[in-house]
N, C-alpha and C. Protein backbone atom coordinates (compact mmCIF):
# COMPACT_ATOMS: atom_id res chain seq x y z
N MET A 1 64.90 85.75 1.12
CA MET A 1 65.06 85.16 0.11
C MET A 1 66.01 85.63 -0.89
N SER A 2 66.14 85.07 -0.91
CA SER A 2 67.02 85.54 -2.45
C SER A 2 65.72 86.08 -3.34
N ASP A 3 65.91 86.76 -4.76
CA ASP A 3 65.92 87.92 -5.64
C ASP A 3 65.17 86.44 -6.61
N GLU A 4 66.51 85.93 -6.71
CA GLU A 4 66.18 83.69 -8.24
C GLU A 4 65.11 83.54 -7.07
N TRP A 5 64.60 83.30 -5.49
CA TRP A 5 63.76 81.60 -5.72
C TRP A 5 62.70 82.62 -5.73
N ALA A 6 62.47 83.67 -5.87
CA ALA A 6 61.05 84.65 -5.88
C ALA A 6 59.75 84.02 -5.60
N PRO A 7 58.84 83.74 -5.82
CA PRO A 7 58.31 82.95 -6.24
C PRO A 7 57.78 83.24 -7.73
N GLU A 8 57.68 84.98 -8.30
CA GLU A 8 57.01 84.68 -9.05
C GLU A 8 57.93 84.03 -10.09
N LYS A 9 58.68 83.68 -9.94
CA LYS A 9 60.55 83.47 -10.98
C LYS A 9 59.13 81.71 -11.61
N ILE A 10 59.01 81.48 -10.35
CA ILE A 10 58.60 80.13 -9.99
C ILE A 10 57.44 79.04 -12.09
N ALA A 11 56.56 80.53 -12.56
CA ALA A 11 56.58 80.02 -13.69
C ALA A 11 57.44 80.12 -14.73
N THR A 12 58.02 81.38 -15.00
CA THR A 12 58.77 81.93 -15.25
C THR A 12 60.44 80.51 -15.43
N LEU A 13 61.06 79.87 -14.62
CA LEU A 13 60.80 79.24 -15.20
C LEU A 13 61.20 76.99 -14.94
N ALA A 14 59.35 77.33 -15.67
CA ALA A 14 58.76 75.89 -15.36
C ALA A 14 58.55 76.27 -17.37
N THR A 15 57.54 77.58 -17.29
CA THR A 15 59.07 77.45 -18.59
C THR A 15 59.10 76.59 -19.50
N GLU A 16 60.98 77.47 -18.89
CA GLU A 16 62.45 77.61 -19.58
C GLU A 16 62.06 76.49 -20.07
N ILE A 17 61.78 74.98 -18.31
CA ILE A 17 62.55 73.69 -18.83
C ILE A 17 61.70 73.09 -19.68
N ASP A 18 60.20 74.01 -19.61
CA ASP A 18 59.44 73.15 -21.34
C ASP A 18 60.58 73.97 -22.19
N ALA A 19 60.23 75.09 -22.40
CA ALA A 19 61.40 75.34 -23.58
C ALA A 19 62.44 74.34 -24.44
N GLN A 20 63.88 74.01 -23.50
CA GLN A 20 63.94 73.74 -23.36
C GLN A 20 64.17 71.88 -23.66
N ILE A 21 63.79 70.83 -23.10
CA ILE A 21 63.17 70.25 -24.13
C ILE A 21 61.29 70.22 -25.18
N GLN A 22 61.42 70.48 -25.07
CA GLN A 22 59.80 71.06 -27.03
C GLN A 22 61.71 70.92 -27.89
N ALA A 23 63.09 71.59 -27.15
CA ALA A 23 63.50 72.76 -28.80
C ALA A 23 64.60 71.07 -28.83
N LEU A 24 64.91 70.25 -28.11
CA LEU A 24 65.40 68.37 -27.88
C LEU A 24 65.10 68.19 -29.02
N PRO A 25 66.54 67.71 -30.13
CA PRO A 25 66.52 67.71 -30.93
C PRO A 25 65.69 66.03 -31.39
N VAL A 26 66.23 65.33 -30.55
CA VAL A 26 65.95 63.60 -29.98
C VAL A 26 64.46 63.90 -29.13
N ARG A 27 63.45 63.96 -28.76
CA ARG A 27 62.87 63.85 -26.71
C ARG A 27 62.91 63.02 -26.53
N ASN A 28 64.00 62.14 -26.22
CA ASN A 28 63.75 60.70 -26.50
C ASN A 28 64.11 60.64 -24.41
N SER A 29 63.64 60.13 -23.76
CA SER A 29 64.67 59.42 -22.12
C SER A 29 66.33 59.82 -21.68
N PRO A 30 66.72 59.24 -22.51
CA PRO A 30 68.07 60.63 -21.72
C PRO A 30 68.18 61.20 -22.24
N ASN A 31 67.96 62.03 -23.53
CA ASN A 31 68.15 63.85 -23.44
C ASN A 31 67.31 64.96 -22.79
N VAL A 32 66.44 64.21 -22.06
CA VAL A 32 65.38 65.03 -21.94
C VAL A 32 65.86 64.54 -20.14
N ARG A 33 66.44 63.63 -19.74
CA ARG A 33 66.83 63.07 -18.86
C ARG A 33 68.25 65.03 -18.40
N SER A 34 69.28 64.67 -19.28
CA SER A 34 69.22 65.61 -19.18
C SER A 34 69.14 66.94 -19.01
N VAL A 35 68.00 67.24 -19.08
CA VAL A 35 67.76 68.56 -19.27
C VAL A 35 67.94 68.78 -17.41
N ARG A 36 66.76 68.26 -17.36
CA ARG A 36 66.90 67.39 -15.75
C ARG A 36 67.79 67.90 -15.31
N ARG A 37 69.11 67.41 -15.17
CA ARG A 37 70.26 67.23 -14.23
C ARG A 37 70.75 68.67 -14.57
N GLU A 38 70.64 69.05 -16.15
CA GLU A 38 71.29 70.55 -15.56
C GLU A 38 70.28 71.22 -14.45
N TYR A 39 69.01 71.22 -14.21
CA TYR A 39 68.80 71.34 -13.74
C TYR A 39 68.42 71.59 -11.85
N SER A 40 68.49 69.97 -11.89
CA SER A 40 69.12 69.73 -10.76
C SER A 40 70.08 70.78 -10.01
N LYS A 41 71.20 70.77 -10.86
CA LYS A 41 72.22 71.37 -10.21
C LYS A 41 72.06 73.47 -10.20
N ARG A 42 71.34 73.09 -10.69
CA ARG A 42 70.68 75.00 -10.61
C ARG A 42 69.62 75.33 -9.71
N LEU A 43 68.96 73.99 -9.16
CA LEU A 43 68.14 73.94 -7.90
C LEU A 43 68.54 73.84 -7.07
N ARG A 44 70.20 73.01 -6.52
CA ARG A 44 70.62 72.30 -5.73
C ARG A 44 70.48 73.25 -4.72
N ASN A 45 70.60 74.66 -4.51
CA ASN A 45 70.37 75.69 -3.21
C ASN A 45 69.28 76.33 -3.30
N ALA A 46 68.13 75.54 -3.63
CA ALA A 46 67.06 76.40 -4.20
C ALA A 46 65.88 76.01 -2.00
N PRO A 47 65.42 77.05 -1.50
CA PRO A 47 64.48 76.40 -1.29
C PRO A 47 62.93 75.85 -1.56
N ARG A 48 62.94 74.47 -0.54
CA ARG A 48 62.01 74.26 -0.38
C ARG A 48 60.60 74.50 -0.93
N ASP A 49 59.93 75.69 -0.51
CA ASP A 49 58.60 76.15 -1.48
C ASP A 49 58.94 76.11 -2.69
N PHE A 50 60.13 76.78 -3.13
CA PHE A 50 60.01 76.96 -4.15
C PHE A 50 60.13 75.82 -5.03
N VAL A 51 61.22 74.88 -4.30
CA VAL A 51 61.16 73.41 -6.13
C VAL A 51 60.04 72.58 -5.93
N LEU A 52 59.14 72.58 -4.57
CA LEU A 52 57.35 72.25 -4.81
C LEU A 52 56.74 72.57 -5.19
N ALA A 53 57.08 73.68 -5.30
CA ALA A 53 55.78 74.67 -5.79
C ALA A 53 56.24 74.56 -7.52
N LEU A 54 57.11 74.61 -8.33
CA LEU A 54 58.15 74.33 -9.43
C LEU A 54 57.55 72.73 -10.22
N THR A 55 57.71 71.83 -8.66
CA THR A 55 57.54 70.13 -9.38
C THR A 55 56.06 70.51 -10.07
N MET A 56 54.56 70.74 -8.33
CA MET A 56 54.11 71.12 -9.61
C MET A 56 53.58 71.71 -10.48
N ALA A 57 54.72 72.77 -10.95
CA ALA A 57 53.76 73.65 -12.24
C ALA A 57 54.37 73.08 -13.49
N LEU A 58 55.07 71.90 -13.02
CA LEU A 58 56.07 71.02 -14.41
C LEU A 58 54.33 70.09 -14.70
N VAL A 59 54.25 69.61 -13.55
CA VAL A 59 53.38 68.29 -13.13
C VAL A 59 51.86 68.57 -13.32
N HIS A 60 51.21 69.47 -14.05
CA HIS A 60 50.22 71.28 -13.80
C HIS A 60 49.64 71.16 -14.64
N THR A 61 50.86 72.14 -15.28
CA THR A 61 50.15 72.65 -16.66
C THR A 61 51.04 72.78 -17.07
N HIS A 62 52.48 71.77 -17.82
CA HIS A 62 53.11 71.11 -17.98
C HIS A 62 52.77 69.98 -18.47
N GLY A 63 52.92 69.24 -17.71
CA GLY A 63 52.48 68.17 -17.81
C GLY A 63 53.77 67.03 -18.08
N TYR A 64 55.47 67.42 -17.69
CA TYR A 64 55.98 66.97 -17.76
C TYR A 64 56.40 65.84 -15.31
N ARG A 65 55.75 64.96 -15.62
CA ARG A 65 55.17 64.23 -14.76
C ARG A 65 57.18 63.37 -14.40
N GLY A 66 57.73 62.66 -15.60
CA GLY A 66 59.23 62.25 -15.19
C GLY A 66 59.35 63.21 -14.72
N THR A 67 60.13 64.04 -15.33
CA THR A 67 60.97 64.91 -15.18
C THR A 67 59.84 65.98 -14.07
N ALA A 68 58.69 66.74 -14.06
CA ALA A 68 58.87 66.65 -12.17
C ALA A 68 59.39 65.39 -11.13
N TYR A 69 58.78 64.83 -11.18
CA TYR A 69 59.40 63.93 -10.59
C TYR A 69 60.87 63.26 -9.53
N GLU A 70 61.67 63.26 -10.98
CA GLU A 70 62.91 63.28 -10.73
C GLU A 70 63.45 64.84 -10.12
N LEU A 71 63.48 65.64 -10.86
CA LEU A 71 63.33 66.53 -10.30
C LEU A 71 63.35 66.82 -8.39
N LEU A 72 62.18 66.54 -8.27
CA LEU A 72 62.41 66.46 -6.41
C LEU A 72 62.72 65.31 -5.77
N ALA A 73 63.35 64.74 -6.35
CA ALA A 73 63.55 63.05 -5.85
C ALA A 73 65.24 63.26 -5.64
N TYR A 74 65.47 64.24 -6.56
CA TYR A 74 67.65 64.48 -6.58
C TYR A 74 67.44 65.43 -5.33
N HIS A 75 66.72 66.23 -5.14
CA HIS A 75 66.24 67.83 -4.05
C HIS A 75 65.38 67.36 -3.00
N LYS A 76 66.44 67.00 -1.91
CA LYS A 76 66.23 66.00 -1.29
C LYS A 76 65.81 66.86 0.30
N PRO A 77 66.51 68.32 0.08
CA PRO A 77 65.57 69.14 1.00
C PRO A 77 63.86 68.70 0.96
N THR A 78 63.35 69.39 -0.29
CA THR A 78 62.23 68.84 -0.23
C THR A 78 61.65 67.23 -0.25
N PHE A 79 62.72 66.50 -0.77
CA PHE A 79 61.24 65.12 -0.78
C PHE A 79 61.25 64.76 0.84
N ASN A 80 62.48 65.14 1.00
CA ASN A 80 62.34 64.52 3.74
C ASN A 80 61.38 65.72 4.08
N SER A 81 60.51 66.67 3.84
CA SER A 81 59.57 67.35 3.99
C SER A 81 57.78 67.40 3.55
N LEU A 82 58.45 66.60 2.64
CA LEU A 82 56.40 66.00 2.28
C LEU A 82 55.35 65.63 2.33
N THR A 83 54.71 66.37 2.64
CA THR A 83 53.99 65.51 4.12
C THR A 83 52.71 64.55 2.73
N VAL A 84 52.03 64.04 3.27
CA VAL A 84 50.44 62.81 2.46
C VAL A 84 49.99 64.20 1.91
N ALA A 85 49.30 64.96 2.51
CA ALA A 85 48.59 66.42 0.90
C ALA A 85 49.53 66.35 -0.32
N ASP A 86 51.43 67.01 -0.15
CA ASP A 86 51.29 66.99 -1.04
C ASP A 86 51.63 66.00 -1.32
N ILE A 87 51.53 64.79 -1.47
CA ILE A 87 52.43 63.37 -2.42
C ILE A 87 51.20 62.98 -2.97
N GLU A 88 50.24 63.58 -2.69
CA GLU A 88 48.46 63.36 -3.80
C GLU A 88 48.30 63.58 -3.98
N ALA A 89 48.48 65.99 -3.89
CA ALA A 89 49.16 66.41 -4.67
C ALA A 89 49.40 66.46 -6.34
N LEU A 90 50.77 65.86 -5.72
CA LEU A 90 51.70 65.10 -6.76
C LEU A 90 51.21 64.34 -7.91
N GLY A 91 50.13 63.29 -7.41
CA GLY A 91 49.71 62.01 -7.62
C GLY A 91 48.46 62.54 -8.70
N GLU A 92 47.92 63.79 -8.51
CA GLU A 92 46.62 64.09 -9.42
C GLU A 92 46.34 64.10 -10.49
N GLY A 93 45.38 63.68 -10.87
CA GLY A 93 45.53 63.66 -11.96
C GLY A 93 46.10 61.85 -13.10
N ILE A 94 46.68 61.19 -12.23
CA ILE A 94 47.14 60.38 -12.79
C ILE A 94 46.23 59.57 -13.29
N ASP A 95 46.85 58.88 -14.53
CA ASP A 95 45.43 58.23 -15.31
C ASP A 95 45.85 57.65 -16.94
N ARG A 96 47.85 57.03 -16.64
CA ARG A 96 48.41 56.52 -17.82
C ARG A 96 49.58 55.35 -16.48
N TRP A 97 49.67 54.42 -17.38
CA TRP A 97 49.81 53.19 -16.66
C TRP A 97 51.77 54.09 -16.47
N HIS A 98 52.14 54.69 -16.91
CA HIS A 98 53.48 55.92 -17.03
C HIS A 98 53.46 57.08 -15.77
N SER A 99 52.58 57.12 -15.88
CA SER A 99 52.27 58.59 -15.07
C SER A 99 52.44 57.46 -13.69
N VAL A 100 51.62 56.84 -13.24
CA VAL A 100 51.11 56.04 -12.24
C VAL A 100 53.30 55.24 -11.57
N ASP A 101 53.51 55.25 -12.61
CA ASP A 101 54.68 54.36 -12.82
C ASP A 101 55.60 55.86 -11.91
N GLY A 102 55.86 56.11 -12.65
CA GLY A 102 57.23 57.17 -11.72
C GLY A 102 56.60 58.05 -10.44
N PHE A 103 55.34 58.44 -10.98
CA PHE A 103 54.54 58.64 -8.77
C PHE A 103 55.70 58.00 -8.28
N ALA A 104 54.48 56.10 -8.26
CA ALA A 104 55.43 54.90 -6.82
C ALA A 104 56.26 54.96 -7.41
N ARG A 105 57.69 55.64 -8.13
CA ARG A 105 58.67 54.66 -8.39
C ARG A 105 59.21 55.60 -7.73
N LEU A 106 58.62 57.11 -8.24
CA LEU A 106 59.74 58.10 -6.98
C LEU A 106 59.04 59.02 -6.90
N VAL A 107 57.95 58.62 -6.69
CA VAL A 107 57.83 60.03 -5.79
C VAL A 107 57.58 58.43 -3.97
N SER A 108 55.54 58.12 -4.38
CA SER A 108 55.20 57.44 -2.80
C SER A 108 55.76 56.04 -1.62
N GLY A 109 56.50 55.46 -3.38
CA GLY A 109 57.20 54.75 -2.93
C GLY A 109 58.03 55.27 -2.48
N PRO A 110 59.58 56.16 -2.84
CA PRO A 110 59.82 56.08 -1.12
C PRO A 110 59.64 56.60 -0.59
N ALA A 111 58.74 57.98 -0.34
CA ALA A 111 57.96 58.29 1.18
C ALA A 111 57.98 57.07 1.72
N TRP A 112 57.56 56.54 1.39
CA TRP A 112 56.80 55.39 2.28
C TRP A 112 58.38 55.07 2.79
N PHE A 113 58.94 54.35 2.19
CA PHE A 113 60.05 53.59 2.49
C PHE A 113 60.86 54.03 4.09
N LYS A 114 60.60 56.26 3.67
CA LYS A 114 61.21 57.06 4.81
C LYS A 114 60.58 57.56 5.23
N GLY A 115 58.76 56.76 5.37
CA GLY A 115 58.24 56.76 7.08
C GLY A 115 57.69 58.12 6.49
N LEU A 116 57.36 58.65 5.04
CA LEU A 116 56.56 60.38 4.62
C LEU A 116 55.20 60.52 4.91
N ILE A 117 55.26 58.91 4.73
CA ILE A 117 53.13 58.37 4.32
C ILE A 117 53.37 57.04 5.26
N SER A 118 52.00 56.35 5.63
CA SER A 118 51.91 55.74 6.56
C SER A 118 51.21 54.91 5.66
N ASP A 119 51.67 53.13 5.89
CA ASP A 119 50.50 51.71 5.61
C ASP A 119 48.76 52.46 5.34
N ASP A 120 48.97 52.65 5.96
CA ASP A 120 46.93 53.41 6.18
C ASP A 120 46.72 53.92 5.02
N VAL A 121 48.25 55.17 4.39
CA VAL A 121 47.59 56.06 2.64
C VAL A 121 47.28 55.10 1.96
N ILE A 122 48.92 54.62 2.20
CA ILE A 122 48.72 53.33 1.24
C ILE A 122 47.25 51.89 0.64
N HIS A 123 47.14 52.07 2.01
CA HIS A 123 45.83 50.53 1.98
C HIS A 123 44.92 51.85 1.53
N ARG A 124 44.77 52.61 1.79
CA ARG A 124 43.50 54.17 1.16
C ARG A 124 43.06 54.00 -0.10
N TRP A 125 45.50 54.12 -0.56
CA TRP A 125 44.27 54.31 -2.89
C TRP A 125 44.32 52.69 -2.88
N ALA A 126 44.55 51.23 -2.10
CA ALA A 126 44.09 50.26 -2.45
C ALA A 126 42.60 50.20 -2.86
N ARG A 127 42.06 50.82 -1.79
CA ARG A 127 40.73 50.52 -1.76
C ARG A 127 40.32 51.61 -2.14
N SER A 128 40.35 52.58 -3.84
CA SER A 128 40.23 53.69 -4.15
C SER A 128 39.07 52.76 -5.57
N ASP A 129 37.77 53.74 -5.33
CA ASP A 129 37.80 53.49 -6.59
C ASP A 129 38.26 53.84 -8.27
N ASP A 130 39.75 54.20 -8.20
CA ASP A 130 40.04 54.31 -8.78
C ASP A 130 40.91 53.73 -9.10
N LEU A 131 41.14 52.69 -10.77
CA LEU A 131 41.92 52.09 -11.10
C LEU A 131 43.63 52.28 -10.53
N TRP A 132 43.58 53.66 -11.27
CA TRP A 132 45.23 53.93 -10.64
C TRP A 132 46.29 54.40 -9.58
N TRP A 133 44.97 54.56 -8.76
CA TRP A 133 45.74 55.40 -7.07
C TRP A 133 45.81 53.15 -7.12
N ARG A 134 45.07 52.39 -7.35
CA ARG A 134 44.77 51.19 -6.72
C ARG A 134 46.53 50.08 -7.11
N ARG A 135 46.69 50.35 -8.80
CA ARG A 135 47.80 51.01 -8.92
C ARG A 135 48.47 50.97 -8.34
N ALA A 136 49.31 52.48 -7.43
CA ALA A 136 50.01 53.03 -7.04
C ALA A 136 49.61 52.93 -5.78
N ALA A 137 49.18 52.15 -5.06
CA ALA A 137 49.42 51.66 -3.93
C ALA A 137 50.24 50.21 -4.40
N LEU A 138 50.63 49.78 -5.10
CA LEU A 138 51.32 48.62 -5.49
C LEU A 138 52.25 48.41 -6.09
N VAL A 139 52.60 49.40 -7.14
CA VAL A 139 54.35 50.32 -7.54
C VAL A 139 54.67 50.89 -6.85
N SER A 140 54.10 51.01 -5.20
CA SER A 140 54.89 51.51 -4.34
C SER A 140 55.49 50.53 -3.91
N THR A 141 55.63 49.63 -3.35
CA THR A 141 55.80 48.24 -2.69
C THR A 141 57.09 48.36 -3.27
N VAL A 142 57.51 48.15 -4.45
CA VAL A 142 58.42 48.36 -5.30
C VAL A 142 59.85 48.90 -4.98
N ALA A 143 59.24 50.40 -3.95
CA ALA A 143 60.64 50.65 -3.17
C ALA A 143 60.95 50.28 -2.14
N LEU A 144 59.89 48.97 -1.64
CA LEU A 144 60.37 48.81 -0.75
C LEU A 144 61.50 47.42 -0.21
N ASN A 145 61.81 47.29 -1.51
CA ASN A 145 62.14 45.93 -2.11
C ASN A 145 63.11 45.97 -3.41
N MET A 146 63.62 46.97 -3.62
CA MET A 146 64.81 47.44 -4.85
C MET A 146 65.80 47.96 -4.04
N ARG A 147 66.71 46.46 -3.96
CA ARG A 147 68.54 46.68 -3.41
C ARG A 147 68.56 48.13 -4.28
N SER A 148 68.58 48.15 -5.36
CA SER A 148 69.50 48.63 -5.99
C SER A 148 68.51 50.34 -4.71
N HIS A 149 67.79 50.31 -4.52
CA HIS A 149 67.30 51.75 -4.07
C HIS A 149 67.45 51.72 -2.81
N GLY A 150 68.05 50.35 -1.42
CA GLY A 150 67.73 50.39 -0.87
C GLY A 150 66.64 49.81 -0.04
N GLY A 151 65.84 48.89 -0.71
CA GLY A 151 64.95 47.99 -0.41
C GLY A 151 65.28 46.91 -0.02
N TYR A 152 64.82 46.43 1.83
CA TYR A 152 65.68 45.77 1.86
C TYR A 152 64.57 43.97 2.14
N GLY A 153 63.71 44.40 1.77
CA GLY A 153 62.33 43.14 1.14
C GLY A 153 61.39 43.11 2.71
N ASP A 154 60.54 43.28 2.71
CA ASP A 154 59.18 44.13 3.35
C ASP A 154 58.01 43.47 3.42
N VAL A 155 57.90 42.49 3.48
CA VAL A 155 57.61 41.10 3.51
C VAL A 155 55.77 41.80 4.00
N ASP A 156 56.44 42.30 5.27
CA ASP A 156 54.11 42.28 5.92
C ASP A 156 53.60 43.17 4.91
N ARG A 157 54.72 44.33 4.46
CA ARG A 157 53.67 45.63 4.29
C ARG A 157 53.52 45.27 2.88
N THR A 158 54.05 45.15 2.00
CA THR A 158 53.94 43.73 0.57
C THR A 158 53.13 42.87 0.01
N LEU A 159 52.76 42.28 1.38
CA LEU A 159 52.00 41.23 0.71
C LEU A 159 50.97 41.77 0.95
N ALA A 160 50.80 43.31 2.50
CA ALA A 160 49.47 43.22 2.63
C ALA A 160 48.70 44.36 1.93
N VAL A 161 49.80 44.88 1.49
CA VAL A 161 48.65 45.34 0.10
C VAL A 161 48.29 44.67 -1.73
N CYS A 162 48.48 43.23 -1.18
CA CYS A 162 48.75 42.20 -2.51
C CYS A 162 47.62 41.95 -2.02
N ARG A 163 47.58 41.60 -0.74
CA ARG A 163 45.94 40.38 -0.36
C ARG A 163 45.01 41.48 -0.32
N MET A 164 44.40 43.32 -0.43
CA MET A 164 43.55 44.20 -0.16
C MET A 164 43.79 43.83 -2.02
N LEU A 165 44.58 43.02 -2.65
CA LEU A 165 44.26 43.63 -4.45
C LEU A 165 43.84 41.72 -4.94
N VAL A 166 43.95 41.02 -4.24
CA VAL A 166 44.32 40.44 -5.11
C VAL A 166 42.17 39.63 -5.76
N ASP A 167 41.61 39.96 -5.58
CA ASP A 167 40.61 39.53 -5.94
C ASP A 167 40.11 40.84 -7.38
N ASP A 168 41.63 41.95 -7.56
CA ASP A 168 41.12 42.85 -8.73
C ASP A 168 42.11 42.56 -9.58
N HIS A 169 40.80 41.75 -11.01
CA HIS A 169 41.19 41.78 -12.66
C HIS A 169 41.25 43.01 -13.60
N GLU A 170 41.33 44.15 -12.65
CA GLU A 170 41.74 44.59 -14.03
C GLU A 170 43.39 44.79 -14.43
N ASP A 171 43.59 44.70 -15.95
CA ASP A 171 44.41 44.18 -16.69
C ASP A 171 46.16 45.00 -15.95
N LEU A 172 45.97 46.47 -14.88
CA LEU A 172 46.95 47.42 -15.25
C LEU A 172 46.85 47.19 -13.64
N VAL A 173 46.00 46.52 -12.81
CA VAL A 173 46.32 45.39 -11.71
C VAL A 173 46.57 44.93 -11.31
N VAL A 174 46.28 44.14 -12.49
CA VAL A 174 46.85 42.81 -12.46
C VAL A 174 48.42 42.46 -12.08
N LYS A 175 48.53 44.05 -13.31
CA LYS A 175 50.65 42.98 -14.42
C LYS A 175 51.44 44.29 -12.54
N ALA A 176 50.29 45.32 -11.98
CA ALA A 176 51.42 45.44 -10.95
C ALA A 176 51.22 44.72 -10.27
N LEU A 177 50.20 44.25 -9.33
CA LEU A 177 50.40 43.04 -8.29
C LEU A 177 51.75 42.31 -8.88
N SER A 178 51.62 41.29 -10.01
CA SER A 178 52.52 40.12 -10.63
C SER A 178 54.02 40.95 -10.61
N TRP A 179 54.07 42.29 -10.58
CA TRP A 179 55.24 43.28 -10.67
C TRP A 179 55.86 43.24 -8.79
N ALA A 180 54.90 43.07 -7.96
CA ALA A 180 54.75 43.78 -6.67
C ALA A 180 55.30 42.17 -5.69
N LEU A 181 54.83 40.75 -6.05
CA LEU A 181 55.01 39.60 -6.22
C LEU A 181 56.68 39.51 -6.64
N ARG A 182 57.16 39.72 -8.03
CA ARG A 182 58.08 38.70 -8.43
C ARG A 182 59.83 40.80 -7.83
N GLN A 183 59.32 41.45 -7.39
CA GLN A 183 60.38 42.57 -6.59
C GLN A 183 60.36 41.68 -5.08
N LEU A 184 59.63 41.32 -4.69
CA LEU A 184 59.49 40.40 -3.40
C LEU A 184 60.96 39.04 -3.90
N VAL A 185 60.14 38.65 -4.68
CA VAL A 185 61.16 37.14 -4.84
C VAL A 185 62.33 36.92 -3.84
N VAL A 186 63.09 38.10 -4.87
CA VAL A 186 64.17 38.05 -4.60
C VAL A 186 65.47 37.90 -2.67
N HIS A 187 63.67 38.61 -2.15
CA HIS A 187 64.28 38.77 -0.11
C HIS A 187 63.35 37.81 -0.05
N ASP A 188 61.61 36.93 -0.17
CA ASP A 188 61.55 36.32 0.22
C ASP A 188 61.09 35.18 -0.26
N PRO A 189 61.51 34.64 -1.32
CA PRO A 189 60.68 33.26 -1.55
C PRO A 189 59.45 32.56 -1.89
N ASP A 190 59.82 32.47 -0.26
CA ASP A 190 59.73 31.25 0.56
C ASP A 190 57.98 31.91 0.25
N ALA A 191 57.94 33.27 1.21
CA ALA A 191 56.78 34.69 0.85
C ALA A 191 56.05 34.51 0.94
N VAL A 192 56.34 34.46 -0.89
CA VAL A 192 56.13 35.00 -2.17
C VAL A 192 55.79 34.28 -2.16
N LEU A 193 55.83 32.09 -2.29
CA LEU A 193 55.33 30.73 -2.89
C LEU A 193 54.27 30.62 -2.09
N GLY A 194 54.27 31.34 -0.48
CA GLY A 194 53.52 30.88 0.68
C GLY A 194 51.68 31.82 -0.01
N PHE A 195 51.98 33.02 -0.48
CA PHE A 195 51.29 34.11 -1.24
C PHE A 195 50.17 33.12 -2.48
N LEU A 196 51.06 32.68 -3.41
CA LEU A 196 50.11 31.77 -4.76
C LEU A 196 49.54 31.00 -4.17
N SER A 197 50.69 29.92 -3.41
CA SER A 197 49.17 28.47 -3.00
C SER A 197 47.94 29.05 -2.10
N ARG A 198 48.25 30.41 -1.60
CA ARG A 198 46.93 30.27 -0.20
C ARG A 198 46.14 30.63 -1.08
N TYR A 199 45.93 31.96 -2.33
CA TYR A 199 45.32 32.20 -3.60
C TYR A 199 45.34 31.86 -4.17
N GLU A 200 46.13 30.93 -5.06
CA GLU A 200 45.33 30.17 -5.75
C GLU A 200 44.47 30.12 -6.77
N GLU A 201 43.14 29.78 -6.17
CA GLU A 201 42.28 30.14 -6.92
C GLU A 201 41.82 31.99 -7.12
N ARG A 202 42.21 32.75 -7.27
CA ARG A 202 41.80 33.61 -6.65
C ARG A 202 42.19 34.23 -7.79
N LEU A 203 43.89 34.14 -7.44
CA LEU A 203 44.80 34.85 -8.96
C LEU A 203 44.52 35.13 -10.01
N ALA A 204 44.80 35.91 -10.72
CA ALA A 204 44.58 36.39 -12.29
C ALA A 204 45.61 34.91 -12.75
N ALA A 205 45.77 34.56 -14.10
CA ALA A 205 46.69 33.28 -14.10
C ALA A 205 47.69 34.40 -14.79
N ARG A 206 47.74 35.08 -14.76
CA ARG A 206 49.14 36.40 -15.75
C ARG A 206 50.42 36.20 -14.53
N ILE A 207 49.38 36.23 -13.15
CA ILE A 207 49.97 36.66 -11.51
C ILE A 207 51.05 35.49 -11.91
N LYS A 208 49.99 34.18 -11.52
CA LYS A 208 50.45 32.97 -11.35
C LYS A 208 51.39 32.66 -11.65
N ARG A 209 51.48 32.36 -13.42
CA ARG A 209 52.79 32.34 -14.17
C ARG A 209 54.07 33.68 -13.84
N GLU A 210 53.96 34.56 -14.30
CA GLU A 210 54.63 35.17 -14.34
C GLU A 210 55.48 35.03 -13.20
N VAL A 211 54.75 34.99 -11.57
CA VAL A 211 55.48 35.15 -10.96
C VAL A 211 56.40 33.77 -10.61
N ARG A 212 55.62 32.61 -10.86
CA ARG A 212 56.25 31.01 -11.30
C ARG A 212 56.91 30.54 -11.56
N ASN A 213 57.13 31.29 -13.12
CA ASN A 213 59.01 32.63 -13.27
C ASN A 213 59.51 32.54 -13.27
N LYS A 214 59.54 33.70 -12.39
CA LYS A 214 60.48 34.53 -11.53
C LYS A 214 61.30 32.92 -10.52
N LEU A 215 60.55 32.59 -9.55
CA LEU A 215 60.45 31.38 -8.74
C LEU A 215 62.01 30.44 -9.14
N GLU A 216 61.18 29.59 -10.57
CA GLU A 216 61.70 28.93 -10.82
C GLU A 216 62.69 29.34 -11.76
N THR A 217 63.14 30.54 -12.63
CA THR A 217 64.13 30.62 -13.07
C THR A 217 64.75 31.85 -13.28
N GLY A 218 64.33 32.54 -12.19
CA GLY A 218 64.63 34.23 -11.68
C GLY A 218 64.27 35.37 -13.26
N LEU A 219 63.26 34.87 -13.97
CA LEU A 219 62.84 35.30 -15.30
C LEU A 219 61.23 36.05 -14.73
N LYS A 220 60.81 36.98 -15.25
CA LYS A 220 59.51 36.74 -15.72
C LYS A 220 58.57 36.23 -16.87
N ASN A 221 58.83 36.10 -17.83
CA ASN A 221 59.00 34.90 -19.05
C ASN A 221 60.25 34.40 -19.59
N PRO A 222 61.32 33.81 -19.25
CA PRO A 222 61.94 32.80 -20.13
C PRO A 222 61.69 32.75 -21.23
N ARG A 223 62.31 32.61 -22.37
CA ARG A 223 62.65 32.51 -23.70
C ARG A 223 62.53 31.22 -22.97
N ARG A 224 61.47 29.68 -24.00
CA ARG A 224 61.58 28.62 -25.17
C ARG A 224 62.58 27.88 -25.37
N SER A 225 63.38 27.23 -25.09
CA SER A 225 64.50 26.24 -25.40
C SER A 225 63.22 25.88 -27.27
N ILE A 226 64.46 26.39 -28.52
CA ILE A 226 64.20 26.04 -29.69
C ILE A 226 64.22 23.89 -30.11
N GLN A 227 63.16 23.41 -30.50
CA GLN A 227 64.15 22.39 -30.43
C GLN A 227 64.68 22.15 -31.42
């Protein structure tokens, strides 16, 4: 292994990334992403274990989940070698909507789409006592259905998770269930309409309103015309 990728360099590089982000004159998403792109180029030839360990350090030592998940997503050899244990370690400590959504959109959802984790793993999260993992299960379905990311419309797997959480009225789970159904609308509106009809009495009002808006207008919350 090249000295450049020696294990003892991981903490140093994570600290360097942290310092660059802290030094940004404006710490917004585009500027932070520019730092991430720089390091993605530097890490292009880095070995799998180095990139994974760096990602873990950014998540668990420095708290940069979005940056870490993007580094991982853009290093295909590492991403494509992820195990269930790796993925759940990367999600450990998710406790806010943005950390959950970054994890599910960039890591667990694409990993599920690629077959790196099974339906059983996602279903276990959906049964979790932790609302953040339940939300992660739902948001993971988004990757199955996003055309811009290769999603082809996976009705069966999406609705299986939605059925598991149809009676969960935690606000952040309700919002995620609405999102999962709305993302599926573009592929199979009839399946989504059938789901709404079947669970009419059990679904939260927000879900029914937003998903019906999407079915009828293509928008979650269409503006009302001013009379």
